[in-house]
PDB file of N, CA and C in Angstrom:
ATOM      1  N   MET A   1      -2.474  -2.285  14.320  1.00  0.00           N
ATOM      2  CA  MET A   1      -3.574  -3.153  13.939  1.00  0.00           C
ATOM      3  C   MET A   1      -2.976  -4.429  13.327  1.00  0.00           C
ATOM      4  N   ASN A   2      -3.492  -5.576  13.750  1.00  0.00           N
ATOM      5  CA  ASN A   2      -2.946  -6.803  13.181  1.00  0.00           C
ATOM      6  C   ASN A   2      -3.458  -7.009  11.758  1.00  0.00           C
ATOM      7  N   ARG A   3      -2.801  -7.880  11.036  1.00  0.00           N
ATOM      8  CA  ARG A   3      -3.077  -8.075   9.610  1.00  0.00           C
ATOM      9  C   ARG A   3      -4.514  -8.521   9.348  1.00  0.00           C
ATOM     10  N   ASN A   4      -5.052  -9.412  10.165  1.00  0.00           N
ATOM     11  CA  ASN A   4      -6.421  -9.892   9.949  1.00  0.00           C
ATOM     12  C   ASN A   4      -7.448  -8.778  10.166  1.00  0.00           C
ATOM     13  N   GLU A   5      -7.246  -7.952  11.187  1.00  0.00           N
ATOM     14  CA  GLU A   5      -8.144  -6.815  11.419  1.00  0.00           C
ATOM     15  C   GLU A   5      -8.059  -5.820  10.267  1.00  0.00           C
ATOM     16  N   LEU A   6      -6.844  -5.562   9.793  1.00  0.00           N
ATOM     17  CA  LEU A   6      -6.650  -4.644   8.680  1.00  0.00           C
ATOM     18  C   LEU A   6      -7.336  -5.172   7.421  1.00  0.00           C
ATOM     19  N   LYS A   7      -7.179  -6.451   7.165  1.00  0.00           N
ATOM     20  CA  LYS A   7      -7.798  -7.066   5.985  1.00  0.00           C
ATOM     21  C   LYS A   7      -9.320  -6.904   6.030  1.00  0.00           C
ATOM     22  N   ARG A   8      -9.901  -7.197   7.168  1.00  0.00           N
ATOM     23  CA  ARG A   8     -11.353  -7.055   7.312  1.00  0.00           C
ATOM     24  C   ARG A   8     -11.782  -5.604   7.111  1.00  0.00           C
ATOM     25  N   ARG A   9     -11.049  -4.689   7.713  1.00  0.00           N
ATOM     26  CA  ARG A   9     -11.384  -3.266   7.603  1.00  0.00           C
ATOM     27  C   ARG A   9     -11.320  -2.796   6.145  1.00  0.00           C
ATOM     28  N   ILE A  10     -10.271  -3.176   5.450  1.00  0.00           N
ATOM     29  CA  ILE A  10     -10.111  -2.754   4.054  1.00  0.00           C
ATOM     30  C   ILE A  10     -11.151  -3.413   3.168  1.00  0.00           C
ATOM     31  N   PHE A  11     -11.362  -4.713   3.331  1.00  0.00           N
ATOM     32  CA  PHE A  11     -12.347  -5.413   2.504  1.00  0.00           C
ATOM     33  C   PHE A  11     -13.754  -4.854   2.735  1.00  0.00           C
ATOM     34  N   GLU A  12     -14.094  -4.559   3.966  1.00  0.00           N
ATOM     35  CA  GLU A  12     -15.405  -3.968   4.254  1.00  0.00           C
ATOM     36  C   GLU A  12     -15.526  -2.593   3.602  1.00  0.00           C
ATOM     37  N   ALA A  13     -14.483  -1.772   3.692  1.00  0.00           N
ATOM     38  CA  ALA A  13     -14.508  -0.440   3.090  1.00  0.00           C
ATOM     39  C   ALA A  13     -14.662  -0.520   1.572  1.00  0.00           C
ATOM     40  N   GLN A  14     -14.131  -1.574   0.988  1.00  0.00           N
ATOM     41  CA  GLN A  14     -14.232  -1.773  -0.465  1.00  0.00           C
ATOM     42  C   GLN A  14     -15.475  -2.581  -0.838  1.00  0.00           C
ATOM     43  N   ARG A  15     -16.323  -2.826   0.150  1.00  0.00           N
ATOM     44  CA  ARG A  15     -17.534  -3.628  -0.050  1.00  0.00           C
ATOM     45  C   ARG A  15     -17.211  -5.011  -0.598  1.00  0.00           C
ATOM     46  N   TRP A  16     -16.080  -5.535  -0.150  1.00  0.00           N
ATOM     47  CA  TRP A  16     -15.630  -6.886  -0.485  1.00  0.00           C
ATOM     48  C   TRP A  16     -15.330  -7.058  -1.972  1.00  0.00           C
ATOM     49  N   ARG A  17     -15.117  -5.941  -2.681  1.00  0.00           N
ATOM     50  CA  ARG A  17     -14.803  -5.987  -4.107  1.00  0.00           C
ATOM     51  C   ARG A  17     -13.341  -5.626  -4.311  1.00  0.00           C
ATOM     52  N   CYS A  18     -12.809  -6.028  -5.453  1.00  0.00           N
ATOM     53  CA  CYS A  18     -11.447  -5.680  -5.842  1.00  0.00           C
ATOM     54  C   CYS A  18     -11.295  -4.160  -5.883  1.00  0.00           C
ATOM     55  N   TRP A  19     -10.146  -3.665  -5.493  1.00  0.00           N
ATOM     56  CA  TRP A  19      -9.848  -2.229  -5.453  1.00  0.00           C
ATOM     57  C   TRP A  19      -9.863  -1.608  -6.844  1.00  0.00           C
ATOM     58  N   VAL A  20      -9.546  -2.365  -7.875  1.00  0.00           N
ATOM     59  CA  VAL A  20      -9.441  -1.844  -9.237  1.00  0.00           C
ATOM     60  C   VAL A  20     -10.827  -1.415  -9.728  1.00  0.00           C
ATOM     61  N   GLU A  21     -10.929  -0.170 -10.132  1.00  0.00           N
ATOM     62  CA  GLU A  21     -12.216   0.383 -10.568  1.00  0.00           C
ATOM     63  C   GLU A  21     -12.791  -0.439 -11.725  1.00  0.00           C
ATOM     64  N   GLY A  22     -14.063  -0.801 -11.573  1.00  0.00           N
ATOM     65  CA  GLY A  22     -14.761  -1.548 -12.601  1.00  0.00           C
ATOM     66  C   GLY A  22     -14.590  -3.051 -12.538  1.00  0.00           C
ATOM     67  N   CYS A  23     -13.710  -3.524 -11.680  1.00  0.00           N
ATOM     68  CA  CYS A  23     -13.510  -4.968 -11.570  1.00  0.00           C
ATOM     69  C   CYS A  23     -14.665  -5.565 -10.750  1.00  0.00           C
ATOM     70  N   PRO A  24     -15.350  -6.568 -11.292  1.00  0.00           N
ATOM     71  CA  PRO A  24     -16.496  -7.147 -10.590  1.00  0.00           C
ATOM     72  C   PRO A  24     -16.127  -8.267  -9.611  1.00  0.00           C
ATOM     73  N   ARG A  25     -14.845  -8.604  -9.548  1.00  0.00           N
ATOM     74  CA  ARG A  25     -14.420  -9.753  -8.738  1.00  0.00           C
ATOM     75  C   ARG A  25     -14.311  -9.390  -7.257  1.00  0.00           C
ATOM     76  N   PRO A  26     -14.411 -10.394  -6.402  1.00  0.00           N
ATOM     77  CA  PRO A  26     -14.261 -10.131  -4.965  1.00  0.00           C
ATOM     78  C   PRO A  26     -12.790  -9.939  -4.574  1.00  0.00           C
ATOM     79  N   ALA A  27     -12.591  -9.117  -3.565  1.00  0.00           N
ATOM     80  CA  ALA A  27     -11.251  -8.963  -2.991  1.00  0.00           C
ATOM     81  C   ALA A  27     -10.945 -10.212  -2.177  1.00  0.00           C
ATOM     82  N   VAL A  28      -9.827 -10.846  -2.474  1.00  0.00           N
ATOM     83  CA  VAL A  28      -9.425 -12.041  -1.734  1.00  0.00           C
ATOM     84  C   VAL A  28      -7.994 -11.937  -1.196  1.00  0.00           C
ATOM     85  N   HIS A  29      -7.253 -10.937  -1.663  1.00  0.00           N
ATOM     86  CA  HIS A  29      -5.863 -10.765  -1.228  1.00  0.00           C
ATOM     87  C   HIS A  29      -5.657  -9.370  -0.649  1.00  0.00           C
ATOM     88  N   LEU A  30      -4.981  -9.295   0.489  1.00  0.00           N
ATOM     89  CA  LEU A  30      -4.545  -8.014   1.033  1.00  0.00           C
ATOM     90  C   LEU A  30      -3.188  -7.730   0.401  1.00  0.00           C
ATOM     91  N   HIS A  31      -3.115  -6.689  -0.379  1.00  0.00           N
ATOM     92  CA  HIS A  31      -1.922  -6.387  -1.172  1.00  0.00           C
ATOM     93  C   HIS A  31      -1.185  -5.185  -0.610  1.00  0.00           C
ATOM     94  N   GLU A  32       0.102  -5.350  -0.348  1.00  0.00           N
ATOM     95  CA  GLU A  32       0.957  -4.243   0.075  1.00  0.00           C
ATOM     96  C   GLU A  32       1.412  -3.550  -1.194  1.00  0.00           C
ATOM     97  N   SER A  33       1.039  -2.306  -1.351  1.00  0.00           N
ATOM     98  CA  SER A  33       1.260  -1.638  -2.626  1.00  0.00           C
ATOM     99  C   SER A  33       2.467  -0.716  -2.642  1.00  0.00           C
ATOM    100  N   LEU A  34       2.593   0.155  -1.683  1.00  0.00           N
ATOM    101  CA  LEU A  34       3.683   1.125  -1.691  1.00  0.00           C
ATOM    102  C   LEU A  34       4.967   0.512  -1.155  1.00  0.00           C
ATOM    103  N   VAL A  35       4.865  -0.174  -0.042  1.00  0.00           N
ATOM    104  CA  VAL A  35       6.011  -0.844   0.580  1.00  0.00           C
ATOM    105  C   VAL A  35       5.638  -2.318   0.713  1.00  0.00           C
ATOM    106  N   THR A  36       6.421  -3.175   0.083  1.00  0.00           N
ATOM    107  CA  THR A  36       6.104  -4.600   0.035  1.00  0.00           C
ATOM    108  C   THR A  36       6.836  -5.399   1.114  1.00  0.00           C
ATOM    109  N   LYS A  37       6.445  -6.651   1.241  1.00  0.00           N
ATOM    110  CA  LYS A  37       7.129  -7.540   2.184  1.00  0.00           C
ATOM    111  C   LYS A  37       8.598  -7.666   1.824  1.00  0.00           C
ATOM    112  N   GLY A  38       8.902  -7.694   0.540  1.00  0.00           N
ATOM    113  CA  GLY A  38      10.294  -7.776   0.099  1.00  0.00           C
ATOM    114  C   GLY A  38      11.113  -6.564   0.502  1.00  0.00           C
ATOM    115  N   ASP A  39      10.466  -5.405   0.568  1.00  0.00           N
ATOM    116  CA  ASP A  39      11.160  -4.174   0.945  1.00  0.00           C
ATOM    117  C   ASP A  39      11.633  -4.190   2.391  1.00  0.00           C
ATOM    118  N   VAL A  40      10.933  -4.929   3.246  1.00  0.00           N
ATOM    119  CA  VAL A  40      11.286  -4.944   4.674  1.00  0.00           C
ATOM    120  C   VAL A  40      11.881  -6.288   5.106  1.00  0.00           C
ATOM    121  N   GLN A  41      12.116  -7.140   4.137  1.00  0.00           N
ATOM    122  CA  GLN A  41      12.726  -8.436   4.444  1.00  0.00           C
ATOM    123  C   GLN A  41      14.082  -8.190   5.102  1.00  0.00           C
ATOM    124  N   GLY A  42      14.315  -8.860   6.175  1.00  0.00           N
ATOM    125  CA  GLY A  42      15.580  -8.719   6.884  1.00  0.00           C
ATOM    126  C   GLY A  42      15.561  -7.680   7.993  1.00  0.00           C
ATOM    127  N   TRP A  43      14.504  -6.881   8.085  1.00  0.00           N
ATOM    128  CA  TRP A  43      14.434  -5.936   9.192  1.00  0.00           C
ATOM    129  C   TRP A  43      14.384  -6.711  10.499  1.00  0.00           C
ATOM    130  N   GLN A  44      15.132  -6.247  11.489  1.00  0.00           N
ATOM    131  CA  GLN A  44      15.167  -6.892  12.791  1.00  0.00           C
ATOM    132  C   GLN A  44      14.754  -5.885  13.862  1.00  0.00           C
ATOM    133  N   PRO A  45      14.037  -6.301  14.870  1.00  0.00           N
ATOM    134  CA  PRO A  45      13.439  -7.631  15.004  1.00  0.00           C
ATOM    135  C   PRO A  45      12.322  -7.817  13.978  1.00  0.00           C
ATOM    136  N   PRO A  46      11.951  -9.063  13.689  1.00  0.00           N
ATOM    137  CA  PRO A  46      10.936  -9.343  12.671  1.00  0.00           C
ATOM    138  C   PRO A  46       9.623  -8.590  12.872  1.00  0.00           C
ATOM    139  N   GLU A  47       9.276  -8.260  14.116  1.00  0.00           N
ATOM    140  CA  GLU A  47       8.025  -7.545  14.388  1.00  0.00           C
ATOM    141  C   GLU A  47       8.012  -6.161  13.733  1.00  0.00           C
ATOM    142  N   ARG A  48       9.199  -5.585  13.482  1.00  0.00           N
ATOM    143  CA  ARG A  48       9.285  -4.274  12.822  1.00  0.00           C
ATOM    144  C   ARG A  48       8.680  -4.317  11.433  1.00  0.00           C
ATOM    145  N   ARG A  49       8.698  -5.475  10.812  1.00  0.00           N
ATOM    146  CA  ARG A  49       8.185  -5.612   9.442  1.00  0.00           C
ATOM    147  C   ARG A  49       6.682  -5.393   9.372  1.00  0.00           C
ATOM    148  N   ASP A  50       6.003  -5.540  10.500  1.00  0.00           N
ATOM    149  CA  ASP A  50       4.550  -5.384  10.532  1.00  0.00           C
ATOM    150  C   ASP A  50       4.107  -3.951  10.236  1.00  0.00           C
ATOM    151  N   ILE A  51       5.038  -3.012  10.209  1.00  0.00           N
ATOM    152  CA  ILE A  51       4.692  -1.619   9.951  1.00  0.00           C
ATOM    153  C   ILE A  51       4.056  -1.448   8.568  1.00  0.00           C
ATOM    154  N   ILE A  52       4.302  -2.384   7.656  1.00  0.00           N
ATOM    155  CA  ILE A  52       3.705  -2.266   6.317  1.00  0.00           C
ATOM    156  C   ILE A  52       2.227  -2.652   6.311  1.00  0.00           C
ATOM    157  N   ASN A  53       1.763  -3.295   7.369  1.00  0.00           N
ATOM    158  CA  ASN A  53       0.338  -3.625   7.486  1.00  0.00           C
ATOM    159  C   ASN A  53      -0.393  -2.372   7.959  1.00  0.00           C
ATOM    160  N   HIS A  54      -0.585  -1.461   7.026  1.00  0.00           N
ATOM    161  CA  HIS A  54      -1.125  -0.144   7.347  1.00  0.00           C
ATOM    162  C   HIS A  54      -2.172   0.247   6.311  1.00  0.00           C
ATOM    163  N   ILE A  55      -3.166   0.976   6.736  1.00  0.00           N
ATOM    164  CA  ILE A  55      -4.261   1.415   5.869  1.00  0.00           C
ATOM    165  C   ILE A  55      -3.750   2.277   4.717  1.00  0.00           C
ATOM    166  N   TYR A  56      -2.620   2.968   4.904  1.00  0.00           N
ATOM    167  CA  TYR A  56      -2.049   3.796   3.841  1.00  0.00           C
ATOM    168  C   TYR A  56      -1.332   2.958   2.787  1.00  0.00           C
ATOM    169  N   ASN A  57      -1.043   1.719   3.088  1.00  0.00           N
ATOM    170  CA  ASN A  57      -0.215   0.878   2.229  1.00  0.00           C
ATOM    171  C   ASN A  57      -0.977  -0.251   1.532  1.00  0.00           C
ATOM    172  N   CYS A  58      -2.065  -0.704   2.112  1.00  0.00           N
ATOM    173  CA  CYS A  58      -2.701  -1.937   1.641  1.00  0.00           C
ATOM    174  C   CYS A  58      -4.031  -1.693   0.944  1.00  0.00           C
ATOM    175  N   ILE A  59      -4.305  -2.566  -0.018  1.00  0.00           N
ATOM    176  CA  ILE A  59      -5.583  -2.575  -0.737  1.00  0.00           C
ATOM    177  C   ILE A  59      -6.023  -4.027  -0.890  1.00  0.00           C
ATOM    178  N   GLY A  60      -7.309  -4.228  -1.141  1.00  0.00           N
ATOM    179  CA  GLY A  60      -7.833  -5.558  -1.402  1.00  0.00           C
ATOM    180  C   GLY A  60      -7.907  -5.798  -2.899  1.00  0.00           C
ATOM    181  N   LEU A  61      -7.327  -6.896  -3.338  1.00  0.00           N
ATOM    182  CA  LEU A  61      -7.336  -7.226  -4.763  1.00  0.00           C
ATOM    183  C   LEU A  61      -7.918  -8.610  -5.003  1.00  0.00           C
ATOM    184  N   CYS A  62      -8.444  -8.794  -6.204  1.00  0.00           N
ATOM    185  CA  CYS A  62      -8.918 -10.113  -6.632  1.00  0.00           C
ATOM    186  C   CYS A  62      -7.722 -10.935  -7.112  1.00  0.00           C
ATOM    187  N   GLN A  63      -7.965 -12.187  -7.392  1.00  0.00           N
ATOM    188  CA  GLN A  63      -6.909 -13.080  -7.872  1.00  0.00           C
ATOM    189  C   GLN A  63      -6.308 -12.578  -9.193  1.00  0.00           C
ATOM    190  N   PHE A  64      -7.141 -12.049 -10.074  1.00  0.00           N
ATOM    191  CA  PHE A  64      -6.686 -11.584 -11.386  1.00  0.00           C
ATOM    192  C   PHE A  64      -5.707 -10.415 -11.276  1.00  0.00           C
ATOM    193  N   HIS A  65      -5.942  -9.512 -10.344  1.00  0.00           N
ATOM    194  CA  HIS A  65      -5.115  -8.312 -10.220  1.00  0.00           C
ATOM    195  C   HIS A  65      -3.968  -8.448  -9.225  1.00  0.00           C
ATOM    196  N   HIS A  66      -3.942  -9.488  -8.425  1.00  0.00           N
ATOM    197  CA  HIS A  66      -2.928  -9.617  -7.379  1.00  0.00           C
ATOM    198  C   HIS A  66      -1.645 -10.248  -7.916  1.00  0.00           C
ATOM    199  N   ASN A  67      -0.531  -9.528  -7.759  1.00  0.00           N
ATOM    200  CA  ASN A  67       0.792  -9.997  -8.165  1.00  0.00           C
ATOM    201  C   ASN A  67       0.845 -10.471  -9.613  1.00  0.00           C
ATOM    202  N   THR A  68       0.200  -9.704 -10.482  1.00  0.00           N
ATOM    203  CA  THR A  68       0.249  -9.966 -11.916  1.00  0.00           C
ATOM    204  C   THR A  68       0.606  -8.668 -12.621  1.00  0.00           C
ATOM    205  N   LYS A  69       0.762  -8.723 -13.917  1.00  0.00           N
ATOM    206  CA  LYS A  69       1.070  -7.500 -14.666  1.00  0.00           C
ATOM    207  C   LYS A  69      -0.103  -6.517 -14.635  1.00  0.00           C
ATOM    208  N   TYR A  70      -1.250  -6.977 -14.165  1.00  0.00           N
ATOM    209  CA  TYR A  70      -2.450  -6.133 -14.112  1.00  0.00           C
ATOM    210  C   TYR A  70      -2.644  -5.426 -12.772  1.00  0.00           C
ATOM    211  N   GLU A  71      -1.753  -5.661 -11.811  1.00  0.00           N
ATOM    212  CA  GLU A  71      -1.944  -5.024 -10.510  1.00  0.00           C
ATOM    213  C   GLU A  71      -1.741  -3.516 -10.624  1.00  0.00           C
ATOM    214  N   PRO A  72      -2.430  -2.756  -9.772  1.00  0.00           N
ATOM    215  CA  PRO A  72      -2.299  -1.296  -9.816  1.00  0.00           C
ATOM    216  C   PRO A  72      -0.873  -0.851  -9.504  1.00  0.00           C
ATOM    217  N   LYS A  73      -0.455   0.219 -10.141  1.00  0.00           N
ATOM    218  CA  LYS A  73       0.872   0.792  -9.890  1.00  0.00           C
ATOM    219  C   LYS A  73       0.859   1.524  -8.554  1.00  0.00           C
ATOM    220  N   ALA A  74       2.014   1.540  -7.907  1.00  0.00           N
ATOM    221  CA  ALA A  74       2.134   2.187  -6.599  1.00  0.00           C
ATOM    222  C   ALA A  74       1.720   3.654  -6.659  1.00  0.00           C
ATOM    223  N   ALA A  75       2.084   4.358  -7.724  1.00  0.00           N
ATOM    224  CA  ALA A  75       1.741   5.782  -7.822  1.00  0.00           C
ATOM    225  C   ALA A  75       0.229   5.982  -7.840  1.00  0.00           C
ATOM    226  N   GLU A  76      -0.489   5.086  -8.496  1.00  0.00           N
ATOM    227  CA  GLU A  76      -1.952   5.167  -8.547  1.00  0.00           C
ATOM    228  C   GLU A  76      -2.558   4.947  -7.158  1.00  0.00           C
ATOM    229  N   VAL A  77      -2.037   3.948  -6.458  1.00  0.00           N
ATOM    230  CA  VAL A  77      -2.524   3.669  -5.106  1.00  0.00           C
ATOM    231  C   VAL A  77      -2.184   4.842  -4.182  1.00  0.00           C
ATOM    232  N   PHE A  78      -0.982   5.367  -4.322  1.00  0.00           N
ATOM    233  CA  PHE A  78      -0.566   6.512  -3.517  1.00  0.00           C
ATOM    234  C   PHE A  78      -1.537   7.683  -3.673  1.00  0.00           C
ATOM    235  N   GLU A  79      -1.873   8.023  -4.909  1.00  0.00           N
ATOM    236  CA  GLU A  79      -2.788   9.147  -5.150  1.00  0.00           C
ATOM    237  C   GLU A  79      -4.153   8.897  -4.513  1.00  0.00           C
ATOM    238  N   GLN A  80      -4.649   7.680  -4.635  1.00  0.00           N
ATOM    239  CA  GLN A  80      -5.957   7.364  -4.050  1.00  0.00           C
ATOM    240  C   GLN A  80      -5.901   7.426  -2.519  1.00  0.00           C
ATOM    241  N   LYS A  81      -4.831   6.898  -1.944  1.00  0.00           N
ATOM    242  CA  LYS A  81      -4.688   6.940  -0.479  1.00  0.00           C
ATOM    243  C   LYS A  81      -4.586   8.389   0.009  1.00  0.00           C
ATOM    244  N   CYS A  82      -3.913   9.243  -0.771  1.00  0.00           N
ATOM    245  CA  CYS A  82      -3.821  10.657  -0.402  1.00  0.00           C
ATOM    246  C   CYS A  82      -5.193  11.314  -0.447  1.00  0.00           C
ATOM    247  N   GLU A  83      -5.996  10.966  -1.434  1.00  0.00           N
ATOM    248  CA  GLU A  83      -7.352  11.513  -1.507  1.00  0.00           C
ATOM    249  C   GLU A  83      -8.187  11.064  -0.307  1.00  0.00           C
ATOM    250  N   GLU A  84      -8.007   9.822   0.093  1.00  0.00           N
ATOM    251  CA  GLU A  84      -8.792   9.281   1.201  1.00  0.00           C
ATOM    252  C   GLU A  84      -8.340   9.797   2.561  1.00  0.00           C
ATOM    253  N   TYR A  85      -7.029   9.868   2.778  1.00  0.00           N
ATOM    254  CA  TYR A  85      -6.510  10.121   4.123  1.00  0.00           C
ATOM    255  C   TYR A  85      -5.722  11.417   4.268  1.00  0.00           C
ATOM    256  N   GLY A  86      -5.418  12.057   3.160  1.00  0.00           N
ATOM    257  CA  GLY A  86      -4.638  13.292   3.198  1.00  0.00           C
ATOM    258  C   GLY A  86      -3.190  13.053   2.804  1.00  0.00           C
ATOM    259  N   ARG A  87      -2.714  13.883   1.915  1.00  0.00           N
ATOM    260  CA  ARG A  87      -1.341  13.731   1.396  1.00  0.00           C
ATOM    261  C   ARG A  87      -0.308  13.806   2.520  1.00  0.00           C
ATOM    262  N   GLN A  88      -0.479  14.742   3.425  1.00  0.00           N
ATOM    263  CA  GLN A  88       0.500  14.922   4.502  1.00  0.00           C
ATOM    264  C   GLN A  88       0.614  13.659   5.358  1.00  0.00           C
ATOM    265  N   GLN A  89      -0.509  13.009   5.647  1.00  0.00           N
ATOM    266  CA  GLN A  89      -0.480  11.809   6.484  1.00  0.00           C
ATOM    267  C   GLN A  89       0.218  10.653   5.771  1.00  0.00           C
ATOM    268  N   VAL A  90      -0.110  10.451   4.498  1.00  0.00           N
ATOM    269  CA  VAL A  90       0.479   9.327   3.754  1.00  0.00           C
ATOM    270  C   VAL A  90       1.974   9.554   3.540  1.00  0.00           C
ATOM    271  N   VAL A  91       2.344  10.765   3.153  1.00  0.00           N
ATOM    272  CA  VAL A  91       3.760  11.080   2.959  1.00  0.00           C
ATOM    273  C   VAL A  91       4.506  10.961   4.286  1.00  0.00           C
ATOM    274  N   GLY A  92       3.920  11.468   5.350  1.00  0.00           N
ATOM    275  CA  GLY A  92       4.552  11.355   6.667  1.00  0.00           C
ATOM    276  C   GLY A  92       4.803   9.917   7.053  1.00  0.00           C
ATOM    277  N   TRP A  93       3.829   9.040   6.767  1.00  0.00           N
ATOM    278  CA  TRP A  93       4.007   7.617   7.060  1.00  0.00           C
ATOM    279  C   TRP A  93       5.155   7.045   6.235  1.00  0.00           C
ATOM    280  N   LEU A  94       5.191   7.343   4.938  1.00  0.00           N
ATOM    281  CA  LEU A  94       6.268   6.835   4.083  1.00  0.00           C
ATOM    282  C   LEU A  94       7.638   7.312   4.566  1.00  0.00           C
ATOM    283  N   GLU A  95       7.714   8.576   4.916  1.00  0.00           N
ATOM    284  CA  GLU A  95       8.995   9.140   5.360  1.00  0.00           C
ATOM    285  C   GLU A  95       9.416   8.619   6.725  1.00  0.00           C
ATOM    286  N   SER A  96       8.480   8.113   7.502  1.00  0.00           N
ATOM    287  CA  SER A  96       8.811   7.611   8.837  1.00  0.00           C
ATOM    288  C   SER A  96       9.465   6.230   8.801  1.00  0.00           C
ATOM    289  N   LEU A  97       9.367   5.539   7.677  1.00  0.00           N
ATOM    290  CA  LEU A  97       9.930   4.194   7.582  1.00  0.00           C
ATOM    291  C   LEU A  97      11.454   4.272   7.531  1.00  0.00           C
ATOM    292  N   GLU A  98      12.088   3.454   8.340  1.00  0.00           N
ATOM    293  CA  GLU A  98      13.539   3.539   8.526  1.00  0.00           C
ATOM    294  C   GLU A  98      14.292   2.667   7.527  1.00  0.00           C
ATOM    295  N   PHE A  99      14.300   3.079   6.266  1.00  0.00           N
ATOM    296  CA  PHE A  99      15.038   2.355   5.243  1.00  0.00           C
ATOM    297  C   PHE A  99      16.480   2.818   5.208  1.00  0.00           C
ATOM    298  N   VAL A 100      17.381   1.888   4.951  1.00  0.00           N
ATOM    299  CA  VAL A 100      18.754   2.273   4.639  1.00  0.00           C
ATOM    300  C   VAL A 100      18.729   2.924   3.256  1.00  0.00           C
ATOM    301  N   LYS A 101      18.018   2.297   2.335  1.00  0.00           N
ATOM    302  CA  LYS A 101      17.791   2.842   1.001  1.00  0.00           C
ATOM    303  C   LYS A 101      16.328   2.603   0.650  1.00  0.00           C
ATOM    304  N   ARG A 102      15.612   3.671   0.354  1.00  0.00           N
ATOM    305  CA  ARG A 102      14.183   3.534   0.034  1.00  0.00           C
ATOM    306  C   ARG A 102      14.000   2.737  -1.246  1.00  0.00           C
ATOM    307  N   PRO A 103      12.937   1.946  -1.296  1.00  0.00           N
ATOM    308  CA  PRO A 103      12.616   1.246  -2.547  1.00  0.00           C
ATOM    309  C   PRO A 103      12.382   2.265  -3.659  1.00  0.00           C
ATOM    310  N   GLY A 104      12.741   1.906  -4.883  1.00  0.00           N
ATOM    311  CA  GLY A 104      12.643   2.814  -6.022  1.00  0.00           C
ATOM    312  C   GLY A 104      11.271   3.433  -6.186  1.00  0.00           C
ATOM    313  N   ARG A 105      10.199   2.625  -6.039  1.00  0.00           N
ATOM    314  CA  ARG A 105       8.840   3.157  -6.248  1.00  0.00           C
ATOM    315  C   ARG A 105       8.503   4.199  -5.203  1.00  0.00           C
ATOM    316  N   VAL A 106       8.968   4.019  -3.968  1.00  0.00           N
ATOM    317  CA  VAL A 106       8.705   4.996  -2.904  1.00  0.00           C
ATOM    318  C   VAL A 106       9.500   6.270  -3.170  1.00  0.00           C
ATOM    319  N   GLN A 107      10.758   6.125  -3.571  1.00  0.00           N
ATOM    320  CA  GLN A 107      11.577   7.302  -3.850  1.00  0.00           C
ATOM    321  C   GLN A 107      11.008   8.086  -5.029  1.00  0.00           C
ATOM    322  N   GLU A 108      10.516   7.403  -6.052  1.00  0.00           N
ATOM    323  CA  GLU A 108       9.899   8.085  -7.197  1.00  0.00           C
ATOM    324  C   GLU A 108       8.689   8.904  -6.760  1.00  0.00           C
ATOM    325  N   ILE A 109       7.862   8.328  -5.906  1.00  0.00           N
ATOM    326  CA  ILE A 109       6.689   9.049  -5.416  1.00  0.00           C
ATOM    327  C   ILE A 109       7.112  10.301  -4.646  1.00  0.00           C
ATOM    328  N   LEU A 110       8.066  10.153  -3.742  1.00  0.00           N
ATOM    329  CA  LEU A 110       8.514  11.294  -2.948  1.00  0.00           C
ATOM    330  C   LEU A 110       9.192  12.343  -3.824  1.00  0.00           C
ATOM    331  N   ASN A 111       9.966  11.902  -4.838  1.00  0.00           N
ATOM    332  CA  ASN A 111      10.604  12.857  -5.756  1.00  0.00           C
ATOM    333  C   ASN A 111       9.567  13.620  -6.562  1.00  0.00           C
ATOM    334  N   SER A 112       8.488  12.937  -6.970  1.00  0.00           N
ATOM    335  CA  SER A 112       7.466  13.607  -7.769  1.00  0.00           C
ATOM    336  C   SER A 112       6.780  14.715  -6.961  1.00  0.00           C
ATOM    337  N   LEU A 113       6.705  14.554  -5.659  1.00  0.00           N
ATOM    338  CA  LEU A 113       6.097  15.579  -4.815  1.00  0.00           C
ATOM    339  C   LEU A 113       6.964  16.833  -4.791  1.00  0.00           C
ATOM    340  N   LYS A 114       8.281  16.656  -4.838  1.00  0.00           N
ATOM    341  CA  LYS A 114       9.188  17.792  -4.821  1.00  0.00           C
ATOM    342  C   LYS A 114       9.073  18.592  -6.107  1.00  0.00           C
ATOM    343  N   THR A 115       8.841  17.901  -7.233  1.00  0.00           N
ATOM    344  CA  THR A 115       8.735  18.613  -8.514  1.00  0.00           C
ATOM    345  C   THR A 115       7.383  19.324  -8.635  1.00  0.00           C
ATOM    346  N   GLU A 116       6.381  18.875  -7.883  1.00  0.00           N
ATOM    347  CA  GLU A 116       5.068  19.534  -7.893  1.00  0.00           C
ATOM    348  C   GLU A 116       5.104  20.847  -7.124  1.00  0.00           C
ATOM    349  N   ALA A 117       5.984  20.912  -6.129  1.00  0.00           N
ATOM    350  CA  ALA A 117       6.029  22.080  -5.240  1.00  0.00           C
ATOM    351  C   ALA A 117       6.600  23.309  -5.915  1.00  0.00           C
TER     352      ALA A 117
END
């Protein structure tokens, strides 16, 4: 799914509101939460980087919550995505990404699952 289609789908699902519970502001930014653009910077070919434009990874945020100290933590987004789509699907997607070294936030999430088992 291309980024614009994904943005529309997510914003519609959130009723055009910020993902953060109780926030009255409109969603204006598509935010990559678990795996960021920086995490895939340098992947070749560049089209491979589009894998982060995924329903399991992105949320709609308002200006106040986007890329600020107030943005939701990856673990919080992960738990919500698991509730929506199923833990096995979200974890499977994360594990399918071909990192040389996983980003710290992703590794922490996957490690926490091992301690729960």
